[in-house]
Amino acid sequence: MKVVLAIMIALSMLPLPVHAKGTGKQPDELKQRMALYEKVSITTQVPWYVLAAVDQYEHNIRKSRRDLPKKKASLASTFPGNVDWTRKPE
Protein backbone atom coordinates (compact mmCIF):
# COMPACT_ATOMS: atom_id res chain seq x y z
CA MET A 1 0.00 0.00 0.00
CA LYS A 2 2.83 2.38 0.87
CA VAL A 3 4.56 1.61 -2.42
CA VAL A 4 1.43 2.39 -4.43
CA LEU A 5 0.94 5.63 -2.53
CA ALA A 6 4.58 6.63 -3.10
CA ILE A 7 4.28 5.89 -6.83
CA MET A 8 1.07 7.94 -7.08
CA ILE A 9 2.69 10.90 -5.32
CA ALA A 10 5.80 10.66 -7.51
CA LEU A 11 3.72 10.51 -10.70
CA SER A 12 1.60 13.47 -9.66
CA MET A 13 4.75 15.60 -9.35
CA LEU A 14 5.92 14.98 -12.91
CA PRO A 15 5.57 18.04 -15.11
CA LEU A 16 3.18 17.41 -17.97
CA PRO A 17 2.90 19.61 -21.05
CA VAL A 18 -0.30 21.61 -21.29
CA HIS A 19 -1.46 22.95 -24.63
CA ALA A 20 -4.31 25.39 -24.99
CA LYS A 21 -5.98 26.07 -28.28
CA GLY A 22 -6.43 29.78 -28.86
CA THR A 23 -8.73 31.54 -31.29
CA GLY A 24 -5.90 33.43 -32.97
CA LYS A 25 -7.82 36.72 -32.94
CA GLN A 26 -6.12 38.42 -30.03
CA PRO A 27 -2.68 39.24 -31.52
CA ASP A 28 -4.29 40.79 -34.61
CA GLU A 29 -6.69 42.83 -32.49
CA LEU A 30 -3.87 44.04 -30.27
CA LYS A 31 -1.80 45.05 -33.30
CA GLN A 32 -4.77 46.98 -34.70
CA ARG A 33 -5.31 48.74 -31.39
CA MET A 34 -1.61 49.65 -31.15
CA ALA A 35 -1.67 51.05 -34.70
CA LEU A 36 -4.73 53.10 -33.79
CA TYR A 37 -3.07 54.36 -30.58
CA GLU A 38 -0.04 55.48 -32.58
CA LYS A 39 -2.16 57.18 -35.25
CA VAL A 40 -4.22 59.07 -32.66
CA SER A 41 -1.05 59.89 -30.72
CA ILE A 42 0.49 61.55 -33.77
CA THR A 43 -2.69 63.52 -34.43
CA THR A 44 -3.38 64.66 -30.86
CA GLN A 45 0.17 64.83 -29.42
CA VAL A 46 -1.02 62.64 -26.52
CA PRO A 47 1.39 59.77 -25.78
CA TRP A 48 0.13 56.40 -27.02
CA TYR A 49 0.51 54.82 -23.58
CA VAL A 50 -1.88 57.40 -22.08
CA LEU A 51 -4.45 56.56 -24.74
CA ALA A 52 -3.91 52.85 -24.08
CA ALA A 53 -4.35 53.36 -20.33
CA VAL A 54 -7.62 55.24 -20.81
CA ASP A 55 -8.85 52.59 -23.23
CA GLN A 56 -7.96 49.78 -20.81
CA TYR A 57 -9.74 51.61 -17.99
CA GLU A 58 -12.87 51.94 -20.11
CA HIS A 59 -12.69 48.26 -21.11
CA ASN A 60 -12.61 47.33 -17.42
CA ILE A 61 -15.47 49.69 -16.56
CA ARG A 62 -17.53 48.32 -19.45
CA LYS A 63 -17.06 44.77 -18.10
CA SER A 64 -18.34 45.72 -14.65
CA ARG A 65 -21.22 48.03 -15.64
CA ARG A 66 -24.09 46.41 -17.49
CA ASP A 67 -25.94 49.68 -18.18
CA LEU A 68 -23.38 50.85 -20.76
CA PRO A 69 -23.98 50.00 -24.42
CA LYS A 70 -21.97 47.25 -26.10
CA LYS A 71 -18.81 48.40 -27.85
CA LYS A 72 -18.92 48.53 -31.64
CA ALA A 73 -15.21 49.07 -32.33
CA SER A 74 -11.92 47.79 -30.99
CA LEU A 75 -11.53 50.84 -28.75
CA ALA A 76 -13.82 51.20 -25.76
CA SER A 77 -13.92 55.00 -25.64
CA THR A 78 -17.31 56.58 -26.10
CA PHE A 79 -18.06 60.20 -26.76
CA PRO A 80 -21.45 61.89 -26.63
CA GLY A 81 -22.76 62.49 -30.13
CA ASN A 82 -24.82 65.61 -29.45
CA VAL A 83 -22.01 67.88 -28.21
CA ASP A 84 -20.76 70.73 -30.36
CA TRP A 85 -17.02 70.58 -29.74
CA THR A 86 -16.27 73.66 -31.84
CA ARG A 87 -18.60 76.06 -30.04
CA LYS A 88 -16.88 78.61 -27.82
CA PRO A 89 -17.98 78.77 -24.20
CA GLU A 90 -20.07 81.78 -23.29
C-alpha atoms as a PDB file:
ATOM      1  CA  MET A   1       0.000   0.000   0.000  1.00  0.00           C
ATOM      2  CA  LYS A   2       2.834   2.379   0.873  1.00  0.00           C
ATOM      3  CA  VAL A   3       4.563   1.607  -2.418  1.00  0.00           C
ATOM      4  CA  VAL A   4       1.426   2.388  -4.435  1.00  0.00           C
ATOM      5  CA  LEU A   5       0.944   5.634  -2.528  1.00  0.00           C
ATOM      6  CA  ALA A   6       4.580   6.625  -3.098  1.00  0.00           C
ATOM      7  CA  ILE A   7       4.276   5.892  -6.830  1.00  0.00           C
ATOM      8  CA  MET A   8       1.071   7.943  -7.082  1.00  0.00           C
ATOM      9  CA  ILE A   9       2.689  10.896  -5.322  1.00  0.00           C
ATOM     10  CA  ALA A  10       5.797  10.656  -7.510  1.00  0.00           C
ATOM     11  CA  LEU A  11       3.718  10.507 -10.704  1.00  0.00           C
ATOM     12  CA  SER A  12       1.602  13.473  -9.662  1.00  0.00           C
ATOM     13  CA  MET A  13       4.746  15.597  -9.347  1.00  0.00           C
ATOM     14  CA  LEU A  14       5.919  14.975 -12.910  1.00  0.00           C
ATOM     15  CA  PRO A  15       5.574  18.037 -15.113  1.00  0.00           C
ATOM     16  CA  LEU A  16       3.177  17.412 -17.973  1.00  0.00           C
ATOM     17  CA  PRO A  17       2.900  19.613 -21.045  1.00  0.00           C
ATOM     18  CA  VAL A  18      -0.302  21.609 -21.292  1.00  0.00           C
ATOM     19  CA  HIS A  19      -1.462  22.946 -24.626  1.00  0.00           C
ATOM     20  CA  ALA A  20      -4.309  25.387 -24.988  1.00  0.00           C
ATOM     21  CA  LYS A  21      -5.981  26.068 -28.285  1.00  0.00           C
ATOM     22  CA  GLY A  22      -6.434  29.776 -28.864  1.00  0.00           C
ATOM     23  CA  THR A  23      -8.729  31.537 -31.289  1.00  0.00           C
ATOM     24  CA  GLY A  24      -5.901  33.425 -32.968  1.00  0.00           C
ATOM     25  CA  LYS A  25      -7.823  36.722 -32.935  1.00  0.00           C
ATOM     26  CA  GLN A  26      -6.124  38.424 -30.030  1.00  0.00           C
ATOM     27  CA  PRO A  27      -2.684  39.241 -31.517  1.00  0.00           C
ATOM     28  CA  ASP A  28      -4.290  40.792 -34.609  1.00  0.00           C
ATOM     29  CA  GLU A  29      -6.691  42.826 -32.493  1.00  0.00           C
ATOM     30  CA  LEU A  30      -3.865  44.036 -30.269  1.00  0.00           C
ATOM     31  CA  LYS A  31      -1.799  45.053 -33.299  1.00  0.00           C
ATOM     32  CA  GLN A  32      -4.770  46.982 -34.700  1.00  0.00           C
ATOM     33  CA  ARG A  33      -5.308  48.739 -31.386  1.00  0.00           C
ATOM     34  CA  MET A  34      -1.614  49.655 -31.155  1.00  0.00           C
ATOM     35  CA  ALA A  35      -1.667  51.053 -34.696  1.00  0.00           C
ATOM     36  CA  LEU A  36      -4.731  53.101 -33.787  1.00  0.00           C
ATOM     37  CA  TYR A  37      -3.071  54.363 -30.585  1.00  0.00           C
ATOM     38  CA  GLU A  38      -0.037  55.479 -32.579  1.00  0.00           C
ATOM     39  CA  LYS A  39      -2.160  57.175 -35.249  1.00  0.00           C
ATOM     40  CA  VAL A  40      -4.222  59.066 -32.662  1.00  0.00           C
ATOM     41  CA  SER A  41      -1.048  59.893 -30.723  1.00  0.00           C
ATOM     42  CA  ILE A  42       0.491  61.554 -33.772  1.00  0.00           C
ATOM     43  CA  THR A  43      -2.691  63.516 -34.433  1.00  0.00           C
ATOM     44  CA  THR A  44      -3.376  64.660 -30.860  1.00  0.00           C
ATOM     45  CA  GLN A  45       0.169  64.827 -29.420  1.00  0.00           C
ATOM     46  CA  VAL A  46      -1.025  62.644 -26.520  1.00  0.00           C
ATOM     47  CA  PRO A  47       1.388  59.768 -25.783  1.00  0.00           C
ATOM     48  CA  TRP A  48       0.127  56.405 -27.021  1.00  0.00           C
ATOM     49  CA  TYR A  49       0.507  54.823 -23.578  1.00  0.00           C
ATOM     50  CA  VAL A  50      -1.876  57.397 -22.075  1.00  0.00           C
ATOM     51  CA  LEU A  51      -4.451  56.558 -24.742  1.00  0.00           C
ATOM     52  CA  ALA A  52      -3.914  52.851 -24.077  1.00  0.00           C
ATOM     53  CA  ALA A  53      -4.354  53.361 -20.327  1.00  0.00           C
ATOM     54  CA  VAL A  54      -7.623  55.239 -20.811  1.00  0.00           C
ATOM     55  CA  ASP A  55      -8.849  52.585 -23.228  1.00  0.00           C
ATOM     56  CA  GLN A  56      -7.960  49.777 -20.813  1.00  0.00           C
ATOM     57  CA  TYR A  57      -9.743  51.615 -17.990  1.00  0.00           C
ATOM     58  CA  GLU A  58     -12.871  51.943 -20.111  1.00  0.00           C
ATOM     59  CA  HIS A  59     -12.688  48.258 -21.108  1.00  0.00           C
ATOM     60  CA  ASN A  60     -12.606  47.329 -17.418  1.00  0.00           C
ATOM     61  CA  ILE A  61     -15.474  49.688 -16.561  1.00  0.00           C
ATOM     62  CA  ARG A  62     -17.529  48.315 -19.447  1.00  0.00           C
ATOM     63  CA  LYS A  63     -17.061  44.774 -18.105  1.00  0.00           C
ATOM     64  CA  SER A  64     -18.338  45.716 -14.651  1.00  0.00           C
ATOM     65  CA  ARG A  65     -21.220  48.034 -15.636  1.00  0.00           C
ATOM     66  CA  ARG A  66     -24.088  46.405 -17.492  1.00  0.00           C
ATOM     67  CA  ASP A  67     -25.942  49.677 -18.179  1.00  0.00           C
ATOM     68  CA  LEU A  68     -23.375  50.849 -20.759  1.00  0.00           C
ATOM     69  CA  PRO A  69     -23.981  50.004 -24.424  1.00  0.00           C
ATOM     70  CA  LYS A  70     -21.970  47.248 -26.097  1.00  0.00           C
ATOM     71  CA  LYS A  71     -18.815  48.395 -27.851  1.00  0.00           C
ATOM     72  CA  LYS A  72     -18.918  48.527 -31.638  1.00  0.00           C
ATOM     73  CA  ALA A  73     -15.212  49.070 -32.329  1.00  0.00           C
ATOM     74  CA  SER A  74     -11.920  47.790 -30.989  1.00  0.00           C
ATOM     75  CA  LEU A  75     -11.529  50.843 -28.746  1.00  0.00           C
ATOM     76  CA  ALA A  76     -13.816  51.200 -25.763  1.00  0.00           C
ATOM     77  CA  SER A  77     -13.917  55.003 -25.645  1.00  0.00           C
ATOM     78  CA  THR A  78     -17.305  56.583 -26.097  1.00  0.00           C
ATOM     79  CA  PHE A  79     -18.060  60.203 -26.764  1.00  0.00           C
ATOM     80  CA  PRO A  80     -21.454  61.895 -26.631  1.00  0.00           C
ATOM     81  CA  GLY A  81     -22.764  62.487 -30.128  1.00  0.00           C
ATOM     82  CA  ASN A  82     -24.818  65.614 -29.453  1.00  0.00           C
ATOM     83  CA  VAL A  83     -22.007  67.876 -28.209  1.00  0.00           C
ATOM     84  CA  ASP A  84     -20.756  70.731 -30.365  1.00  0.00           C
ATOM     85  CA  TRP A  85     -17.016  70.576 -29.737  1.00  0.00           C
ATOM     86  CA  THR A  86     -16.273  73.661 -31.836  1.00  0.00           C
ATOM     87  CA  ARG A  87     -18.603  76.059 -30.037  1.00  0.00           C
ATOM     88  CA  LYS A  88     -16.882  78.612 -27.823  1.00  0.00           C
ATOM     89  CA  PRO A  89     -17.982  78.766 -24.196  1.00  0.00           C
ATOM     90  CA  GLU A  90     -20.072  81.778 -23.294  1.00  0.00           C
END
